[in-house]
Amino acid sequence: MASPFDDLDRQHLVEVHRLVDLAVKMLAKQQEQIRKLTGRRSGDPNYRSRRYLRTVLLKQRLELAQNRAYINQLENELRLRGLE
């Protein structure tokens, strides 16, 4: 007999998988944005200043690190449940 907790666990697991997939997609998008920012020529006088670019890159890298930590947390939760 399946208890209602099994159904709730299954629903929670599906939700965690969805969140992991979403976080991985967000991470890939942010990495692509950083790649584009670092690939641009910074010598162009009409382009944003280097200081601004450094600030943008620092914020993006911080957000990437936070998203990686969140993904690791979700993956660890899946491993602990043994249903990965």
N, C-alpha and C. Protein backbone atom coordinates (compact mmCIF):
# COMPACT_ATOMS: atom_id res chain seq x y z
N MET A 1 0.84 -1.18 0.00
CA MET A 1 0.00 0.00 0.00
C MET A 1 0.88 1.25 0.00
N ALA A 2 0.53 2.15 -0.87
CA ALA A 2 1.27 3.40 -0.94
C ALA A 2 0.63 4.42 -0.01
N SER A 3 1.45 5.03 0.78
CA SER A 3 0.93 6.04 1.70
C SER A 3 0.87 7.39 1.01
N PRO A 4 0.11 8.31 1.55
CA PRO A 4 0.06 9.66 0.95
C PRO A 4 1.42 10.35 0.98
N PHE A 5 2.27 9.94 1.92
CA PHE A 5 3.60 10.55 1.99
C PHE A 5 4.44 10.17 0.78
N ASP A 6 4.24 8.96 0.25
CA ASP A 6 4.96 8.56 -0.96
C ASP A 6 4.60 9.46 -2.13
N ASP A 7 3.30 9.78 -2.24
CA ASP A 7 2.86 10.67 -3.32
C ASP A 7 3.44 12.07 -3.13
N LEU A 8 3.46 12.54 -1.88
CA LEU A 8 4.04 13.86 -1.62
C LEU A 8 5.53 13.87 -1.91
N ASP A 9 6.22 12.79 -1.53
CA ASP A 9 7.66 12.70 -1.82
C ASP A 9 7.90 12.70 -3.32
N ARG A 10 7.07 11.97 -4.04
CA ARG A 10 7.23 11.91 -5.50
C ARG A 10 6.99 13.29 -6.11
N GLN A 11 5.97 14.00 -5.65
CA GLN A 11 5.70 15.34 -6.16
C GLN A 11 6.85 16.29 -5.84
N HIS A 12 7.37 16.17 -4.62
CA HIS A 12 8.50 17.03 -4.24
C HIS A 12 9.72 16.71 -5.09
N LEU A 13 9.94 15.45 -5.38
CA LEU A 13 11.08 15.05 -6.19
C LEU A 13 10.95 15.59 -7.61
N VAL A 14 9.75 15.53 -8.16
CA VAL A 14 9.52 16.07 -9.50
C VAL A 14 9.79 17.58 -9.50
N GLU A 15 9.35 18.26 -8.45
CA GLU A 15 9.58 19.70 -8.35
C GLU A 15 11.07 20.02 -8.23
N VAL A 16 11.80 19.23 -7.45
CA VAL A 16 13.24 19.45 -7.30
C VAL A 16 13.95 19.22 -8.63
N HIS A 17 13.55 18.18 -9.37
CA HIS A 17 14.14 17.95 -10.69
C HIS A 17 13.87 19.13 -11.62
N ARG A 18 12.68 19.67 -11.57
CA ARG A 18 12.34 20.82 -12.40
C ARG A 18 13.19 22.02 -12.03
N LEU A 19 13.39 22.24 -10.73
CA LEU A 19 14.20 23.36 -10.27
C LEU A 19 15.66 23.19 -10.68
N VAL A 20 16.17 21.96 -10.62
CA VAL A 20 17.56 21.71 -11.03
C VAL A 20 17.71 22.01 -12.52
N ASP A 21 16.77 21.54 -13.34
CA ASP A 21 16.84 21.81 -14.77
C ASP A 21 16.79 23.30 -15.06
N LEU A 22 15.91 24.00 -14.37
CA LEU A 22 15.81 25.45 -14.55
C LEU A 22 17.10 26.15 -14.13
N ALA A 23 17.67 25.73 -13.00
CA ALA A 23 18.90 26.36 -12.52
C ALA A 23 20.06 26.10 -13.48
N VAL A 24 20.12 24.91 -14.05
CA VAL A 24 21.18 24.59 -15.01
C VAL A 24 21.04 25.47 -16.26
N LYS A 25 19.81 25.68 -16.71
CA LYS A 25 19.59 26.54 -17.88
C LYS A 25 19.98 27.98 -17.57
N MET A 26 19.63 28.46 -16.39
CA MET A 26 20.00 29.82 -15.99
C MET A 26 21.51 29.97 -15.92
N LEU A 27 22.17 28.96 -15.38
CA LEU A 27 23.62 28.98 -15.26
C LEU A 27 24.26 29.05 -16.64
N ALA A 28 23.76 28.26 -17.57
CA ALA A 28 24.31 28.26 -18.93
C ALA A 28 24.11 29.63 -19.59
N LYS A 29 22.96 30.23 -19.37
CA LYS A 29 22.69 31.55 -19.95
C LYS A 29 23.63 32.60 -19.37
N GLN A 30 23.86 32.54 -18.06
CA GLN A 30 24.76 33.51 -17.43
C GLN A 30 26.19 33.31 -17.90
N GLN A 31 26.60 32.06 -18.06
CA GLN A 31 27.95 31.81 -18.56
C GLN A 31 28.11 32.35 -19.97
N GLU A 32 27.07 32.22 -20.79
CA GLU A 32 27.12 32.75 -22.14
C GLU A 32 27.21 34.28 -22.12
N GLN A 33 26.48 34.93 -21.19
CA GLN A 33 26.56 36.38 -21.08
C GLN A 33 27.96 36.82 -20.68
N ILE A 34 28.57 36.12 -19.75
CA ILE A 34 29.93 36.45 -19.33
C ILE A 34 30.91 36.25 -20.48
N ARG A 35 30.73 35.17 -21.23
CA ARG A 35 31.60 34.91 -22.37
C ARG A 35 31.49 36.05 -23.39
N LYS A 36 30.28 36.53 -23.62
CA LYS A 36 30.09 37.63 -24.56
C LYS A 36 30.73 38.91 -24.05
N LEU A 37 30.58 39.18 -22.74
CA LEU A 37 31.16 40.40 -22.18
C LEU A 37 32.68 40.37 -22.24
N THR A 38 33.28 39.23 -21.94
CA THR A 38 34.73 39.16 -21.94
C THR A 38 35.29 39.09 -23.35
N GLY A 39 34.47 38.69 -24.32
CA GLY A 39 34.94 38.57 -25.70
C GLY A 39 34.92 39.88 -26.45
N ARG A 40 34.22 40.87 -25.95
CA ARG A 40 34.13 42.16 -26.64
C ARG A 40 35.44 42.93 -26.53
N ARG A 41 35.65 43.75 -27.50
CA ARG A 41 36.86 44.58 -27.46
C ARG A 41 36.66 45.69 -26.45
N SER A 42 37.57 45.78 -25.51
CA SER A 42 37.45 46.83 -24.50
C SER A 42 38.19 48.09 -24.92
N GLY A 43 38.92 48.06 -26.04
CA GLY A 43 39.66 49.22 -26.50
C GLY A 43 38.81 50.24 -27.25
N ASP A 44 37.59 49.90 -27.52
CA ASP A 44 36.70 50.80 -28.25
C ASP A 44 36.33 51.98 -27.35
N PRO A 45 36.66 53.22 -27.74
CA PRO A 45 36.39 54.37 -26.86
C PRO A 45 34.89 54.65 -26.69
N ASN A 46 34.07 54.17 -27.60
CA ASN A 46 32.64 54.39 -27.49
C ASN A 46 31.94 53.35 -26.63
N TYR A 47 32.68 52.38 -26.21
CA TYR A 47 32.10 51.31 -25.40
C TYR A 47 32.22 51.65 -23.92
N ARG A 48 31.53 50.91 -23.09
CA ARG A 48 31.53 51.17 -21.65
C ARG A 48 32.94 51.12 -21.07
N SER A 49 33.08 51.78 -19.96
CA SER A 49 34.41 51.84 -19.34
C SER A 49 34.80 50.50 -18.75
N ARG A 50 36.07 50.32 -18.56
CA ARG A 50 36.59 49.07 -17.98
C ARG A 50 36.09 48.87 -16.56
N ARG A 51 36.01 49.92 -15.80
CA ARG A 51 35.55 49.82 -14.42
C ARG A 51 34.12 49.27 -14.39
N TYR A 52 33.26 49.78 -15.27
CA TYR A 52 31.88 49.30 -15.34
C TYR A 52 31.85 47.83 -15.71
N LEU A 53 32.66 47.44 -16.71
CA LEU A 53 32.70 46.04 -17.12
C LEU A 53 33.17 45.15 -15.98
N ARG A 54 34.17 45.59 -15.24
CA ARG A 54 34.62 44.80 -14.10
C ARG A 54 33.51 44.61 -13.08
N THR A 55 32.74 45.67 -12.85
CA THR A 55 31.62 45.59 -11.91
C THR A 55 30.57 44.60 -12.41
N VAL A 56 30.25 44.68 -13.69
CA VAL A 56 29.26 43.77 -14.27
C VAL A 56 29.75 42.33 -14.16
N LEU A 57 31.01 42.10 -14.52
CA LEU A 57 31.56 40.76 -14.45
C LEU A 57 31.58 40.23 -13.02
N LEU A 58 31.93 41.07 -12.08
CA LEU A 58 31.96 40.65 -10.68
C LEU A 58 30.57 40.23 -10.22
N LYS A 59 29.56 41.03 -10.58
CA LYS A 59 28.18 40.68 -10.20
C LYS A 59 27.73 39.38 -10.86
N GLN A 60 28.07 39.22 -12.14
CA GLN A 60 27.68 38.00 -12.85
C GLN A 60 28.36 36.77 -12.25
N ARG A 61 29.64 36.91 -11.92
CA ARG A 61 30.36 35.77 -11.32
C ARG A 61 29.81 35.42 -9.95
N LEU A 62 29.42 36.43 -9.17
CA LEU A 62 28.81 36.19 -7.87
C LEU A 62 27.48 35.45 -8.04
N GLU A 63 26.69 35.90 -9.00
CA GLU A 63 25.40 35.25 -9.25
C GLU A 63 25.61 33.81 -9.73
N LEU A 64 26.62 33.61 -10.57
CA LEU A 64 26.95 32.24 -11.01
C LEU A 64 27.32 31.36 -9.84
N ALA A 65 28.14 31.87 -8.94
CA ALA A 65 28.56 31.08 -7.78
C ALA A 65 27.36 30.73 -6.91
N GLN A 66 26.45 31.68 -6.73
CA GLN A 66 25.25 31.41 -5.93
C GLN A 66 24.38 30.36 -6.61
N ASN A 67 24.24 30.45 -7.93
CA ASN A 67 23.43 29.46 -8.64
C ASN A 67 24.08 28.07 -8.60
N ARG A 68 25.39 28.02 -8.71
CA ARG A 68 26.08 26.73 -8.59
C ARG A 68 25.86 26.11 -7.22
N ALA A 69 25.93 26.93 -6.19
CA ALA A 69 25.69 26.44 -4.83
C ALA A 69 24.26 25.93 -4.69
N TYR A 70 23.32 26.63 -5.30
CA TYR A 70 21.92 26.21 -5.24
C TYR A 70 21.72 24.89 -5.98
N ILE A 71 22.35 24.76 -7.14
CA ILE A 71 22.26 23.51 -7.90
C ILE A 71 22.86 22.37 -7.09
N ASN A 72 24.01 22.60 -6.48
CA ASN A 72 24.62 21.55 -5.65
C ASN A 72 23.72 21.15 -4.50
N GLN A 73 23.06 22.14 -3.88
CA GLN A 73 22.15 21.85 -2.79
C GLN A 73 20.99 20.98 -3.27
N LEU A 74 20.42 21.31 -4.42
CA LEU A 74 19.31 20.51 -4.95
C LEU A 74 19.77 19.11 -5.32
N GLU A 75 20.94 18.99 -5.94
CA GLU A 75 21.45 17.66 -6.30
C GLU A 75 21.74 16.83 -5.06
N ASN A 76 22.26 17.46 -4.01
CA ASN A 76 22.51 16.73 -2.77
C ASN A 76 21.20 16.24 -2.16
N GLU A 77 20.18 17.06 -2.25
CA GLU A 77 18.88 16.64 -1.73
C GLU A 77 18.37 15.42 -2.50
N LEU A 78 18.57 15.43 -3.80
CA LEU A 78 18.16 14.27 -4.61
C LEU A 78 18.96 13.03 -4.22
N ARG A 79 20.24 13.19 -4.02
CA ARG A 79 21.09 12.04 -3.64
C ARG A 79 20.68 11.49 -2.28
N LEU A 80 20.38 12.40 -1.34
CA LEU A 80 19.97 11.94 -0.01
C LEU A 80 18.68 11.14 -0.07
N ARG A 81 17.81 11.47 -0.96
CA ARG A 81 16.56 10.72 -1.10
C ARG A 81 16.81 9.40 -1.82
N GLY A 82 17.94 9.29 -2.51
CA GLY A 82 18.28 8.05 -3.18
C GLY A 82 17.46 7.80 -4.44
N LEU A 83 16.88 8.83 -4.97
CA LEU A 83 16.00 8.67 -6.14
C LEU A 83 16.51 9.44 -7.34
N GLU A 84 17.78 9.70 -7.39
CA GLU A 84 18.35 10.50 -8.48
C GLU A 84 18.24 9.86 -9.78
